[in-house]
Amino acid sequence: QVQLVESGGGLVQPGGSLRLSCAASGSIFSINTMGWYRQAPGKQRELVAAITSGGDTNYADSVKGRFTISRANAKNTVDLQMNSLKPEDTAVYYCNLAYPSPYGGLSDYWGQGTQVIVSS
């Protein structure tokens, strides 16, 4: 079984910074993608940033230049450094782990979510 645990959410003023962390445990295939998604009230969950085990990254246009995703493969952890935060970044942020399923398709797992509120 795979478990993802997030930490680092909280309340921050506009222009401030937060660092989110996610630790995955269990039987995890070494070739995978870890990422952060967010969901604001009334909106669909959207990709914020993702990083493969090979180090390739992908960011939502809205966070490029402000957020940085990183990972430590041996520890199965992923961090999201969020700088220059804006009120529109307010959402519940979810950690995600995905890798190919032996039965085809994708196996993916989600953390419980951590709240980020950007407000003055």
PDB file of N, CA and C in Angstrom:
ATOM      1  N   GLN A   1       0.844  -1.191   0.000  1.00  0.00           N
ATOM      2  CA  GLN A   1       0.000   0.000   0.000  1.00  0.00           C
ATOM      3  C   GLN A   1       0.883   1.246   0.000  1.00  0.00           C
ATOM      4  N   VAL A   2       0.433   2.269  -0.663  1.00  0.00           N
ATOM      5  CA  VAL A   2       1.157   3.521  -0.764  1.00  0.00           C
ATOM      6  C   VAL A   2       0.428   4.591   0.026  1.00  0.00           C
ATOM      7  N   GLN A   3       1.194   5.352   0.759  1.00  0.00           N
ATOM      8  CA  GLN A   3       0.640   6.448   1.527  1.00  0.00           C
ATOM      9  C   GLN A   3       1.434   7.716   1.259  1.00  0.00           C
ATOM     10  N   LEU A   4       0.733   8.828   1.080  1.00  0.00           N
ATOM     11  CA  LEU A   4       1.351  10.123   0.875  1.00  0.00           C
ATOM     12  C   LEU A   4       0.914  11.046   2.000  1.00  0.00           C
ATOM     13  N   VAL A   5       1.871  11.714   2.599  1.00  0.00           N
ATOM     14  CA  VAL A   5       1.594  12.623   3.692  1.00  0.00           C
ATOM     15  C   VAL A   5       2.163  13.993   3.357  1.00  0.00           C
ATOM     16  N   GLU A   6       1.298  14.996   3.364  1.00  0.00           N
ATOM     17  CA  GLU A   6       1.690  16.359   3.040  1.00  0.00           C
ATOM     18  C   GLU A   6       1.853  17.199   4.300  1.00  0.00           C
ATOM     19  N   SER A   7       2.663  18.223   4.179  1.00  0.00           N
ATOM     20  CA  SER A   7       2.832  19.173   5.262  1.00  0.00           C
ATOM     21  C   SER A   7       3.259  20.514   4.679  1.00  0.00           C
ATOM     22  N   GLY A   8       3.143  21.552   5.477  1.00  0.00           N
ATOM     23  CA  GLY A   8       3.648  22.858   5.087  1.00  0.00           C
ATOM     24  C   GLY A   8       2.609  23.891   4.727  1.00  0.00           C
ATOM     25  N   GLY A   9       1.354  23.504   4.663  1.00  0.00           N
ATOM     26  CA  GLY A   9       0.317  24.461   4.350  1.00  0.00           C
ATOM     27  C   GLY A   9       0.090  25.427   5.491  1.00  0.00           C
ATOM     28  N   GLY A  10      -0.652  26.476   5.188  1.00  0.00           N
ATOM     29  CA  GLY A  10      -0.950  27.454   6.209  1.00  0.00           C
ATOM     30  C   GLY A  10      -1.427  28.756   5.626  1.00  0.00           C
ATOM     31  N   LEU A  11      -1.440  29.761   6.468  1.00  0.00           N
ATOM     32  CA  LEU A  11      -1.868  31.103   6.090  1.00  0.00           C
ATOM     33  C   LEU A  11      -0.651  31.975   5.847  1.00  0.00           C
ATOM     34  N   VAL A  12      -0.651  32.672   4.736  1.00  0.00           N
ATOM     35  CA  VAL A  12       0.465  33.540   4.397  1.00  0.00           C
ATOM     36  C   VAL A  12      -0.060  34.794   3.708  1.00  0.00           C
ATOM     37  N   GLN A  13       0.642  35.892   3.881  1.00  0.00           N
ATOM     38  CA  GLN A  13       0.247  37.136   3.236  1.00  0.00           C
ATOM     39  C   GLN A  13       0.658  37.153   1.771  1.00  0.00           C
ATOM     40  N   PRO A  14      -0.062  37.918   0.951  1.00  0.00           N
ATOM     41  CA  PRO A  14       0.356  38.054  -0.441  1.00  0.00           C
ATOM     42  C   PRO A  14       1.810  38.493  -0.546  1.00  0.00           C
ATOM     43  N   GLY A  15       2.526  37.876  -1.461  1.00  0.00           N
ATOM     44  CA  GLY A  15       3.941  38.145  -1.614  1.00  0.00           C
ATOM     45  C   GLY A  15       4.824  37.268  -0.766  1.00  0.00           C
ATOM     46  N   GLY A  16       4.231  36.527   0.137  1.00  0.00           N
ATOM     47  CA  GLY A  16       4.986  35.657   1.008  1.00  0.00           C
ATOM     48  C   GLY A  16       5.312  34.327   0.370  1.00  0.00           C
ATOM     49  N   SER A  17       5.899  33.459   1.171  1.00  0.00           N
ATOM     50  CA  SER A  17       6.347  32.162   0.685  1.00  0.00           C
ATOM     51  C   SER A  17       5.913  31.035   1.609  1.00  0.00           C
ATOM     52  N   LEU A  18       5.728  29.880   1.023  1.00  0.00           N
ATOM     53  CA  LEU A  18       5.484  28.649   1.750  1.00  0.00           C
ATOM     54  C   LEU A  18       6.216  27.522   1.045  1.00  0.00           C
ATOM     55  N   ARG A  19       6.565  26.512   1.808  1.00  0.00           N
ATOM     56  CA  ARG A  19       7.164  25.325   1.233  1.00  0.00           C
ATOM     57  C   ARG A  19       6.330  24.119   1.636  1.00  0.00           C
ATOM     58  N   LEU A  20       5.785  23.446   0.646  1.00  0.00           N
ATOM     59  CA  LEU A  20       5.013  22.238   0.871  1.00  0.00           C
ATOM     60  C   LEU A  20       5.907  21.022   0.700  1.00  0.00           C
ATOM     61  N   SER A  21       5.690  20.033   1.535  1.00  0.00           N
ATOM     62  CA  SER A  21       6.456  18.800   1.452  1.00  0.00           C
ATOM     63  C   SER A  21       5.514  17.611   1.411  1.00  0.00           C
ATOM     64  N   CYS A  22       5.930  16.581   0.711  1.00  0.00           N
ATOM     65  CA  CYS A  22       5.156  15.356   0.611  1.00  0.00           C
ATOM     66  C   CYS A  22       6.100  14.174   0.704  1.00  0.00           C
ATOM     67  N   ALA A  23       5.768  13.250   1.566  1.00  0.00           N
ATOM     68  CA  ALA A  23       6.548  12.038   1.725  1.00  0.00           C
ATOM     69  C   ALA A  23       5.696  10.826   1.373  1.00  0.00           C
ATOM     70  N   ALA A  24       6.192  10.017   0.475  1.00  0.00           N
ATOM     71  CA  ALA A  24       5.499   8.805   0.063  1.00  0.00           C
ATOM     72  C   ALA A  24       6.153   7.587   0.689  1.00  0.00           C
ATOM     73  N   SER A  25       5.339   6.654   1.095  1.00  0.00           N
ATOM     74  CA  SER A  25       5.843   5.425   1.674  1.00  0.00           C
ATOM     75  C   SER A  25       5.075   4.243   1.109  1.00  0.00           C
ATOM     76  N   GLY A  26       5.681   3.073   1.189  1.00  0.00           N
ATOM     77  CA  GLY A  26       5.067   1.868   0.672  1.00  0.00           C
ATOM     78  C   GLY A  26       5.841   1.297  -0.498  1.00  0.00           C
ATOM     79  N   SER A  27       5.181   0.464  -1.266  1.00  0.00           N
ATOM     80  CA  SER A  27       5.796  -0.151  -2.439  1.00  0.00           C
ATOM     81  C   SER A  27       5.641   0.774  -3.628  1.00  0.00           C
ATOM     82  N   ILE A  28       6.721   1.472  -3.953  1.00  0.00           N
ATOM     83  CA  ILE A  28       6.692   2.506  -4.984  1.00  0.00           C
ATOM     84  C   ILE A  28       7.652   2.154  -6.101  1.00  0.00           C
ATOM     85  N   PHE A  29       7.138   2.106  -7.305  1.00  0.00           N
ATOM     86  CA  PHE A  29       7.973   1.860  -8.467  1.00  0.00           C
ATOM     87  C   PHE A  29       8.930   3.023  -8.658  1.00  0.00           C
ATOM     88  N   SER A  30      10.166   2.714  -8.991  1.00  0.00           N
ATOM     89  CA  SER A  30      11.204   3.731  -9.042  1.00  0.00           C
ATOM     90  C   SER A  30      11.004   4.745 -10.165  1.00  0.00           C
ATOM     91  N   ILE A  31      10.351   4.353 -11.222  1.00  0.00           N
ATOM     92  CA  ILE A  31      10.063   5.258 -12.327  1.00  0.00           C
ATOM     93  C   ILE A  31       8.649   5.798 -12.135  1.00  0.00           C
ATOM     94  N   ASN A  32       8.574   7.053 -11.796  1.00  0.00           N
ATOM     95  CA  ASN A  32       7.271   7.608 -11.467  1.00  0.00           C
ATOM     96  C   ASN A  32       7.266   9.117 -11.629  1.00  0.00           C
ATOM     97  N   THR A  33       6.111   9.682 -11.450  1.00  0.00           N
ATOM     98  CA  THR A  33       5.944  11.124 -11.433  1.00  0.00           C
ATOM     99  C   THR A  33       5.299  11.523 -10.115  1.00  0.00           C
ATOM    100  N   MET A  34       5.849  12.536  -9.492  1.00  0.00           N
ATOM    101  CA  MET A  34       5.243  13.107  -8.310  1.00  0.00           C
ATOM    102  C   MET A  34       4.898  14.558  -8.612  1.00  0.00           C
ATOM    103  N   GLY A  35       3.816  15.001  -8.049  1.00  0.00           N
ATOM    104  CA  GLY A  35       3.408  16.355  -8.340  1.00  0.00           C
ATOM    105  C   GLY A  35       2.453  16.921  -7.318  1.00  0.00           C
ATOM    106  N   TRP A  36       2.134  18.171  -7.550  1.00  0.00           N
ATOM    107  CA  TRP A  36       1.194  18.887  -6.713  1.00  0.00           C
ATOM    108  C   TRP A  36       0.032  19.388  -7.555  1.00  0.00           C
ATOM    109  N   TYR A  37      -1.149  19.141  -7.063  1.00  0.00           N
ATOM    110  CA  TYR A  37      -2.371  19.655  -7.648  1.00  0.00           C
ATOM    111  C   TYR A  37      -3.053  20.548  -6.622  1.00  0.00           C
ATOM    112  N   ARG A  38      -3.946  21.378  -7.083  1.00  0.00           N
ATOM    113  CA  ARG A  38      -4.701  22.200  -6.151  1.00  0.00           C
ATOM    114  C   ARG A  38      -6.144  22.313  -6.596  1.00  0.00           C
ATOM    115  N   GLN A  39      -6.994  22.549  -5.629  1.00  0.00           N
ATOM    116  CA  GLN A  39      -8.405  22.708  -5.903  1.00  0.00           C
ATOM    117  C   GLN A  39      -8.958  23.835  -5.051  1.00  0.00           C
ATOM    118  N   ALA A  40      -9.446  24.856  -5.717  1.00  0.00           N
ATOM    119  CA  ALA A  40     -10.096  25.972  -5.054  1.00  0.00           C
ATOM    120  C   ALA A  40     -11.594  25.730  -5.036  1.00  0.00           C
ATOM    121  N   PRO A  41     -12.309  26.356  -4.106  1.00  0.00           N
ATOM    122  CA  PRO A  41     -13.753  26.170  -4.038  1.00  0.00           C
ATOM    123  C   PRO A  41     -14.436  26.482  -5.365  1.00  0.00           C
ATOM    124  N   GLY A  42     -15.287  25.573  -5.811  1.00  0.00           N
ATOM    125  CA  GLY A  42     -16.021  25.771  -7.043  1.00  0.00           C
ATOM    126  C   GLY A  42     -15.233  25.518  -8.305  1.00  0.00           C
ATOM    127  N   LYS A  43     -14.007  25.077  -8.173  1.00  0.00           N
ATOM    128  CA  LYS A  43     -13.173  24.833  -9.336  1.00  0.00           C
ATOM    129  C   LYS A  43     -12.692  23.389  -9.366  1.00  0.00           C
ATOM    130  N   GLN A  44     -12.300  22.956 -10.549  1.00  0.00           N
ATOM    131  CA  GLN A  44     -11.758  21.616 -10.699  1.00  0.00           C
ATOM    132  C   GLN A  44     -10.327  21.555 -10.193  1.00  0.00           C
ATOM    133  N   ARG A  45      -9.929  20.372  -9.809  1.00  0.00           N
ATOM    134  CA  ARG A  45      -8.552  20.165  -9.411  1.00  0.00           C
ATOM    135  C   ARG A  45      -7.645  20.355 -10.623  1.00  0.00           C
ATOM    136  N   GLU A  46      -6.566  21.083 -10.431  1.00  0.00           N
ATOM    137  CA  GLU A  46      -5.664  21.379 -11.531  1.00  0.00           C
ATOM    138  C   GLU A  46      -4.222  21.081 -11.147  1.00  0.00           C
ATOM    139  N   LEU A  47      -3.451  20.762 -12.152  1.00  0.00           N
ATOM    140  CA  LEU A  47      -2.027  20.536 -11.943  1.00  0.00           C
ATOM    141  C   LEU A  47      -1.332  21.846 -11.628  1.00  0.00           C
ATOM    142  N   VAL A  48      -0.517  21.832 -10.599  1.00  0.00           N
ATOM    143  CA  VAL A  48       0.327  22.970 -10.268  1.00  0.00           C
ATOM    144  C   VAL A  48       1.732  22.745 -10.806  1.00  0.00           C
ATOM    145  N   ALA A  49       2.314  21.628 -10.437  1.00  0.00           N
ATOM    146  CA  ALA A  49       3.655  21.279 -10.888  1.00  0.00           C
ATOM    147  C   ALA A  49       3.859  19.792 -10.727  1.00  0.00           C
ATOM    148  N   ALA A  50       4.690  19.228 -11.573  1.00  0.00           N
ATOM    149  CA  ALA A  50       5.010  17.811 -11.498  1.00  0.00           C
ATOM    150  C   ALA A  50       6.463  17.599 -11.859  1.00  0.00           C
ATOM    151  N   ILE A  51       7.004  16.519 -11.354  1.00  0.00           N
ATOM    152  CA  ILE A  51       8.392  16.185 -11.638  1.00  0.00           C
ATOM    153  C   ILE A  51       8.528  14.682 -11.753  1.00  0.00           C
ATOM    154  N   THR A  52       9.213  14.234 -12.785  1.00  0.00           N
ATOM    155  CA  THR A  52       9.433  12.817 -12.983  1.00  0.00           C
ATOM    156  C   THR A  52      10.640  12.350 -12.188  1.00  0.00           C
ATOM    157  N   SER A  53      10.774  11.036 -12.076  1.00  0.00           N
ATOM    158  CA  SER A  53      11.942  10.486 -11.404  1.00  0.00           C
ATOM    159  C   SER A  53      13.220  10.827 -12.148  1.00  0.00           C
ATOM    160  N   GLY A  54      13.112  11.159 -13.433  1.00  0.00           N
ATOM    161  CA  GLY A  54      14.253  11.585 -14.210  1.00  0.00           C
ATOM    162  C   GLY A  54      14.569  13.063 -14.093  1.00  0.00           C
ATOM    163  N   GLY A  55      13.718  13.811 -13.400  1.00  0.00           N
ATOM    164  CA  GLY A  55      13.981  15.214 -13.158  1.00  0.00           C
ATOM    165  C   GLY A  55      13.276  16.187 -14.087  1.00  0.00           C
ATOM    166  N   ASP A  56      12.503  15.690 -15.022  1.00  0.00           N
ATOM    167  CA  ASP A  56      11.750  16.584 -15.899  1.00  0.00           C
ATOM    168  C   ASP A  56      10.599  17.222 -15.136  1.00  0.00           C
ATOM    169  N   THR A  57      10.389  18.504 -15.355  1.00  0.00           N
ATOM    170  CA  THR A  57       9.362  19.241 -14.631  1.00  0.00           C
ATOM    171  C   THR A  57       8.323  19.830 -15.563  1.00  0.00           C
ATOM    172  N   ASN A  58       7.172  20.079 -14.997  1.00  0.00           N
ATOM    173  CA  ASN A  58       6.081  20.713 -15.719  1.00  0.00           C
ATOM    174  C   ASN A  58       5.337  21.611 -14.742  1.00  0.00           C
ATOM    175  N   TYR A  59       5.053  22.839 -15.159  1.00  0.00           N
ATOM    176  CA  TYR A  59       4.383  23.811 -14.307  1.00  0.00           C
ATOM    177  C   TYR A  59       3.169  24.386 -15.001  1.00  0.00           C
ATOM    178  N   ALA A  60       2.168  24.681 -14.204  1.00  0.00           N
ATOM    179  CA  ALA A  60       1.063  25.467 -14.710  1.00  0.00           C
ATOM    180  C   ALA A  60       1.568  26.859 -15.062  1.00  0.00           C
ATOM    181  N   ASP A  61       1.014  27.434 -16.117  1.00  0.00           N
ATOM    182  CA  ASP A  61       1.448  28.756 -16.537  1.00  0.00           C
ATOM    183  C   ASP A  61       1.309  29.786 -15.419  1.00  0.00           C
ATOM    184  N   SER A  62       0.302  29.627 -14.599  1.00  0.00           N
ATOM    185  CA  SER A  62       0.024  30.598 -13.557  1.00  0.00           C
ATOM    186  C   SER A  62       1.068  30.628 -12.447  1.00  0.00           C
ATOM    187  N   VAL A  63       1.899  29.593 -12.366  1.00  0.00           N
ATOM    188  CA  VAL A  63       2.885  29.538 -11.286  1.00  0.00           C
ATOM    189  C   VAL A  63       4.318  29.567 -11.787  1.00  0.00           C
ATOM    190  N   LYS A  64       4.514  29.560 -13.077  1.00  0.00           N
ATOM    191  CA  LYS A  64       5.863  29.579 -13.617  1.00  0.00           C
ATOM    192  C   LYS A  64       6.617  30.819 -13.141  1.00  0.00           C
ATOM    193  N   GLY A  65       7.834  30.596 -12.719  1.00  0.00           N
ATOM    194  CA  GLY A  65       8.647  31.681 -12.216  1.00  0.00           C
ATOM    195  C   GLY A  65       8.454  31.976 -10.753  1.00  0.00           C
ATOM    196  N   ARG A  66       7.409  31.437 -10.159  1.00  0.00           N
ATOM    197  CA  ARG A  66       7.128  31.662  -8.746  1.00  0.00           C
ATOM    198  C   ARG A  66       7.283  30.399  -7.910  1.00  0.00           C
ATOM    199  N   PHE A  67       6.908  29.257  -8.474  1.00  0.00           N
ATOM    200  CA  PHE A  67       6.962  27.990  -7.753  1.00  0.00           C
ATOM    201  C   PHE A  67       8.088  27.134  -8.316  1.00  0.00           C
ATOM    202  N   THR A  68       8.683  26.338  -7.457  1.00  0.00           N
ATOM    203  CA  THR A  68       9.710  25.404  -7.868  1.00  0.00           C
ATOM    204  C   THR A  68       9.442  24.049  -7.228  1.00  0.00           C
ATOM    205  N   ILE A  69       9.405  23.020  -8.053  1.00  0.00           N
ATOM    206  CA  ILE A  69       9.207  21.672  -7.551  1.00  0.00           C
ATOM    207  C   ILE A  69      10.535  20.933  -7.549  1.00  0.00           C
ATOM    208  N   SER A  70      10.745  20.126  -6.540  1.00  0.00           N
ATOM    209  CA  SER A  70      11.961  19.343  -6.437  1.00  0.00           C
ATOM    210  C   SER A  70      11.646  18.020  -5.762  1.00  0.00           C
ATOM    211  N   ARG A  71      12.543  17.068  -5.921  1.00  0.00           N
ATOM    212  CA  ARG A  71      12.315  15.763  -5.309  1.00  0.00           C
ATOM    213  C   ARG A  71      13.620  15.113  -4.912  1.00  0.00           C
ATOM    214  N   ALA A  72      13.501  14.192  -3.996  1.00  0.00           N
ATOM    215  CA  ALA A  72      14.606  13.330  -3.597  1.00  0.00           C
ATOM    216  C   ALA A  72      14.149  11.909  -3.863  1.00  0.00           C
ATOM    217  N   ASN A  73      14.632  11.334  -4.947  1.00  0.00           N
ATOM    218  CA  ASN A  73      14.137  10.038  -5.393  1.00  0.00           C
ATOM    219  C   ASN A  73      14.324   8.927  -4.365  1.00  0.00           C
ATOM    220  N   ALA A  74      15.484   8.913  -3.739  1.00  0.00           N
ATOM    221  CA  ALA A  74      15.766   7.854  -2.781  1.00  0.00           C
ATOM    222  C   ALA A  74      14.831   7.887  -1.587  1.00  0.00           C
ATOM    223  N   LYS A  75      14.313   9.054  -1.289  1.00  0.00           N
ATOM    224  CA  LYS A  75      13.422   9.210  -0.145  1.00  0.00           C
ATOM    225  C   LYS A  75      11.955   9.244  -0.539  1.00  0.00           C
ATOM    226  N   ASN A  76      11.689   9.268  -1.837  1.00  0.00           N
ATOM    227  CA  ASN A  76      10.321   9.395  -2.336  1.00  0.00           C
ATOM    228  C   ASN A  76       9.608  10.595  -1.720  1.00  0.00           C
ATOM    229  N   THR A  77      10.283  11.711  -1.763  1.00  0.00           N
ATOM    230  CA  THR A  77       9.697  12.948  -1.278  1.00  0.00           C
ATOM    231  C   THR A  77       9.683  13.977  -2.395  1.00  0.00           C
ATOM    232  N   VAL A  78       8.748  14.892  -2.310  1.00  0.00           N
ATOM    233  CA  VAL A  78       8.654  15.977  -3.266  1.00  0.00           C
ATOM    234  C   VAL A  78       8.279  17.244  -2.510  1.00  0.00           C
ATOM    235  N   ASP A  79       8.926  18.336  -2.875  1.00  0.00           N
ATOM    236  CA  ASP A  79       8.672  19.624  -2.252  1.00  0.00           C
ATOM    237  C   ASP A  79       8.189  20.619  -3.289  1.00  0.00           C
ATOM    238  N   LEU A  80       7.439  21.576  -2.827  1.00  0.00           N
ATOM    239  CA  LEU A  80       7.005  22.678  -3.682  1.00  0.00           C
ATOM    240  C   LEU A  80       7.306  23.976  -2.958  1.00  0.00           C
ATOM    241  N   GLN A  81       8.285  24.698  -3.468  1.00  0.00           N
ATOM    242  CA  GLN A  81       8.618  26.005  -2.934  1.00  0.00           C
ATOM    243  C   GLN A  81       7.758  27.037  -3.636  1.00  0.00           C
ATOM    244  N   MET A  82       6.951  27.739  -2.877  1.00  0.00           N
ATOM    245  CA  MET A  82       6.020  28.706  -3.427  1.00  0.00           C
ATOM    246  C   MET A  82       6.422  30.098  -2.974  1.00  0.00           C
ATOM    247  N   ASN A  83       6.800  30.922  -3.916  1.00  0.00           N
ATOM    248  CA  ASN A  83       7.193  32.295  -3.645  1.00  0.00           C
ATOM    249  C   ASN A  83       6.224  33.264  -4.312  1.00  0.00           C
ATOM    250  N   SER A  84       6.277  34.502  -3.867  1.00  0.00           N
ATOM    251  CA  SER A  84       5.427  35.552  -4.437  1.00  0.00           C
ATOM    252  C   SER A  84       3.975  35.113  -4.517  1.00  0.00           C
ATOM    253  N   LEU A  85       3.489  34.586  -3.428  1.00  0.00           N
ATOM    254  CA  LEU A  85       2.141  34.034  -3.416  1.00  0.00           C
ATOM    255  C   LEU A  85       1.082  35.106  -3.622  1.00  0.00           C
ATOM    256  N   LYS A  86       0.046  34.713  -4.320  1.00  0.00           N
ATOM    257  CA  LYS A  86      -1.068  35.586  -4.642  1.00  0.00           C
ATOM    258  C   LYS A  86      -2.347  35.030  -4.041  1.00  0.00           C
ATOM    259  N   PRO A  87      -3.339  35.883  -3.802  1.00  0.00           N
ATOM    260  CA  PRO A  87      -4.610  35.379  -3.272  1.00  0.00           C
ATOM    261  C   PRO A  87      -5.212  34.266  -4.122  1.00  0.00           C
ATOM    262  N   GLU A  88      -5.019  34.324  -5.425  1.00  0.00           N
ATOM    263  CA  GLU A  88      -5.569  33.298  -6.294  1.00  0.00           C
ATOM    264  C   GLU A  88      -4.872  31.949  -6.160  1.00  0.00           C
ATOM    265  N   ASP A  89      -3.790  31.901  -5.404  1.00  0.00           N
ATOM    266  CA  ASP A  89      -3.146  30.631  -5.099  1.00  0.00           C
ATOM    267  C   ASP A  89      -3.843  29.887  -3.967  1.00  0.00           C
ATOM    268  N   THR A  90      -4.791  30.533  -3.332  1.00  0.00           N
ATOM    269  CA  THR A  90      -5.523  29.912  -2.242  1.00  0.00           C
ATOM    270  C   THR A  90      -6.261  28.674  -2.731  1.00  0.00           C
ATOM    271  N   ALA A  91      -6.003  27.553  -2.091  1.00  0.00           N
ATOM    272  CA  ALA A  91      -6.605  26.286  -2.488  1.00  0.00           C
ATOM    273  C   ALA A  91      -6.158  25.201  -1.527  1.00  0.00           C
ATOM    274  N   VAL A  92      -6.764  24.049  -1.659  1.00  0.00           N
ATOM    275  CA  VAL A  92      -6.243  22.858  -1.015  1.00  0.00           C
ATOM    276  C   VAL A  92      -5.268  22.221  -1.985  1.00  0.00           C
ATOM    277  N   TYR A  93      -4.076  21.971  -1.522  1.00  0.00           N
ATOM    278  CA  TYR A  93      -3.033  21.408  -2.353  1.00  0.00           C
ATOM    279  C   TYR A  93      -2.874  19.923  -2.049  1.00  0.00           C
ATOM    280  N   TYR A  94      -2.822  19.127  -3.096  1.00  0.00           N
ATOM    281  CA  TYR A  94      -2.742  17.683  -2.972  1.00  0.00           C
ATOM    282  C   TYR A  94      -1.476  17.146  -3.614  1.00  0.00           C
ATOM    283  N   CYS A  95      -0.811  16.280  -2.918  1.00  0.00           N
ATOM    284  CA  CYS A  95       0.341  15.578  -3.464  1.00  0.00           C
ATOM    285  C   CYS A  95      -0.135  14.366  -4.267  1.00  0.00           C
ATOM    286  N   ASN A  96       0.541  14.095  -5.356  1.00  0.00           N
ATOM    287  CA  ASN A  96       0.176  12.985  -6.229  1.00  0.00           C
ATOM    288  C   ASN A  96       1.400  12.168  -6.600  1.00  0.00           C
ATOM    289  N   LEU A  97       1.207  10.873  -6.660  1.00  0.00           N
ATOM    290  CA  LEU A  97       2.225   9.943  -7.127  1.00  0.00           C
ATOM    291  C   LEU A  97       1.603   9.058  -8.194  1.00  0.00           C
ATOM    292  N   ALA A  98       2.269   8.923  -9.320  1.00  0.00           N
ATOM    293  CA  ALA A  98       1.738   8.116 -10.409  1.00  0.00           C
ATOM    294  C   ALA A  98       2.848   7.315 -11.070  1.00  0.00           C
ATOM    295  N   TYR A  99       2.520   6.086 -11.443  1.00  0.00           N
ATOM    296  CA  TYR A  99       3.459   5.254 -12.170  1.00  0.00           C
ATOM    297  C   TYR A  99       2.689   4.192 -12.945  1.00  0.00           C
ATOM    298  N   PRO A 100       3.349   3.595 -13.942  1.00  0.00           N
ATOM    299  CA  PRO A 100       2.642   2.626 -14.777  1.00  0.00           C
ATOM    300  C   PRO A 100       2.141   1.431 -13.979  1.00  0.00           C
ATOM    301  N   SER A 101       0.918   1.037 -14.261  1.00  0.00           N
ATOM    302  CA  SER A 101       0.338  -0.136 -13.628  1.00  0.00           C
ATOM    303  C   SER A 101       0.764  -1.398 -14.359  1.00  0.00           C
ATOM    304  N   PRO A 102       1.044  -2.479 -13.629  1.00  0.00           N
ATOM    305  CA  PRO A 102       1.380  -3.737 -14.307  1.00  0.00           C
ATOM    306  C   PRO A 102       0.228  -4.289 -15.121  1.00  0.00           C
ATOM    307  N   TYR A 103      -0.963  -3.778 -14.890  1.00  0.00           N
ATOM    308  CA  TYR A 103      -2.149  -4.221 -15.623  1.00  0.00           C
ATOM    309  C   TYR A 103      -2.525  -3.260 -16.755  1.00  0.00           C
ATOM    310  N   GLY A 104      -1.676  -2.302 -16.990  1.00  0.00           N
ATOM    311  CA  GLY A 104      -1.953  -1.284 -17.981  1.00  0.00           C
ATOM    312  C   GLY A 104      -2.498  -0.031 -17.333  1.00  0.00           C
ATOM    313  N   GLY A 105      -2.368   1.065 -18.021  1.00  0.00           N
ATOM    314  CA  GLY A 105      -2.815   2.322 -17.468  1.00  0.00           C
ATOM    315  C   GLY A 105      -1.873   2.845 -16.401  1.00  0.00           C
ATOM    316  N   LEU A 106      -2.426   3.637 -15.520  1.00  0.00           N
ATOM    317  CA  LEU A 106      -1.632   4.328 -14.528  1.00  0.00           C
ATOM    318  C   LEU A 106      -2.152   4.043 -13.129  1.00  0.00           C
ATOM    319  N   SER A 107      -1.239   3.793 -12.223  1.00  0.00           N
ATOM    320  CA  SER A 107      -1.572   3.715 -10.812  1.00  0.00           C
ATOM    321  C   SER A 107      -1.250   5.060 -10.187  1.00  0.00           C
ATOM    322  N   ASP A 108      -2.193   5.644  -9.509  1.00  0.00           N
ATOM    323  CA  ASP A 108      -1.905   6.913  -8.873  1.00  0.00           C
ATOM    324  C   ASP A 108      -2.487   6.988  -7.471  1.00  0.00           C
ATOM    325  N   TYR A 109      -1.834   7.792  -6.666  1.00  0.00           N
ATOM    326  CA  TYR A 109      -2.165   7.917  -5.259  1.00  0.00           C
ATOM    327  C   TYR A 109      -2.178   9.387  -4.889  1.00  0.00           C
ATOM    328  N   TRP A 110      -2.981   9.701  -3.895  1.00  0.00           N
ATOM    329  CA  TRP A 110      -3.163  11.081  -3.477  1.00  0.00           C
ATOM    330  C   TRP A 110      -2.977  11.235  -1.986  1.00  0.00           C
ATOM    331  N   GLY A 111      -2.424  12.364  -1.617  1.00  0.00           N
ATOM    332  CA  GLY A 111      -2.380  12.735  -0.223  1.00  0.00           C
ATOM    333  C   GLY A 111      -3.717  13.280   0.223  1.00  0.00           C
ATOM    334  N   GLN A 112      -3.808  13.590   1.492  1.00  0.00           N
ATOM    335  CA  GLN A 112      -5.074  14.046   2.058  1.00  0.00           C
ATOM    336  C   GLN A 112      -5.366  15.513   1.775  1.00  0.00           C
ATOM    337  N   GLY A 113      -4.372  16.240   1.333  1.00  0.00           N
ATOM    338  CA  GLY A 113      -4.516  17.653   1.040  1.00  0.00           C
ATOM    339  C   GLY A 113      -4.071  18.530   2.189  1.00  0.00           C
ATOM    340  N   THR A 114      -3.518  19.670   1.835  1.00  0.00           N
ATOM    341  CA  THR A 114      -3.130  20.658   2.823  1.00  0.00           C
ATOM    342  C   THR A 114      -3.585  22.032   2.356  1.00  0.00           C
ATOM    343  N   GLN A 115      -4.155  22.786   3.267  1.00  0.00           N
ATOM    344  CA  GLN A 115      -4.762  24.069   2.921  1.00  0.00           C
ATOM    345  C   GLN A 115      -3.721  25.169   2.836  1.00  0.00           C
ATOM    346  N   VAL A 116      -3.797  25.924   1.766  1.00  0.00           N
ATOM    347  CA  VAL A 116      -2.985  27.124   1.605  1.00  0.00           C
ATOM    348  C   VAL A 116      -3.922  28.307   1.447  1.00  0.00           C
ATOM    349  N   ILE A 117      -3.778  29.281   2.315  1.00  0.00           N
ATOM    350  CA  ILE A 117      -4.590  30.490   2.248  1.00  0.00           C
ATOM    351  C   ILE A 117      -3.658  31.683   2.119  1.00  0.00           C
ATOM    352  N   VAL A 118      -3.853  32.446   1.065  1.00  0.00           N
ATOM    353  CA  VAL A 118      -3.057  33.641   0.827  1.00  0.00           C
ATOM    354  C   VAL A 118      -3.980  34.833   1.008  1.00  0.00           C
ATOM    355  N   SER A 119      -3.788  35.548   2.077  1.00  0.00           N
ATOM    356  CA  SER A 119      -4.682  36.642   2.412  1.00  0.00           C
ATOM    357  C   SER A 119      -3.978  37.639   3.311  1.00  0.00           C
ATOM    358  N   SER A 120      -4.326  38.897   3.155  1.00  0.00           N
ATOM    359  CA  SER A 120      -3.801  39.932   4.022  1.00  0.00           C
ATOM    360  C   SER A 120      -4.670  40.132   5.252  1.00  0.00           C
TER     361      SER A 120
END
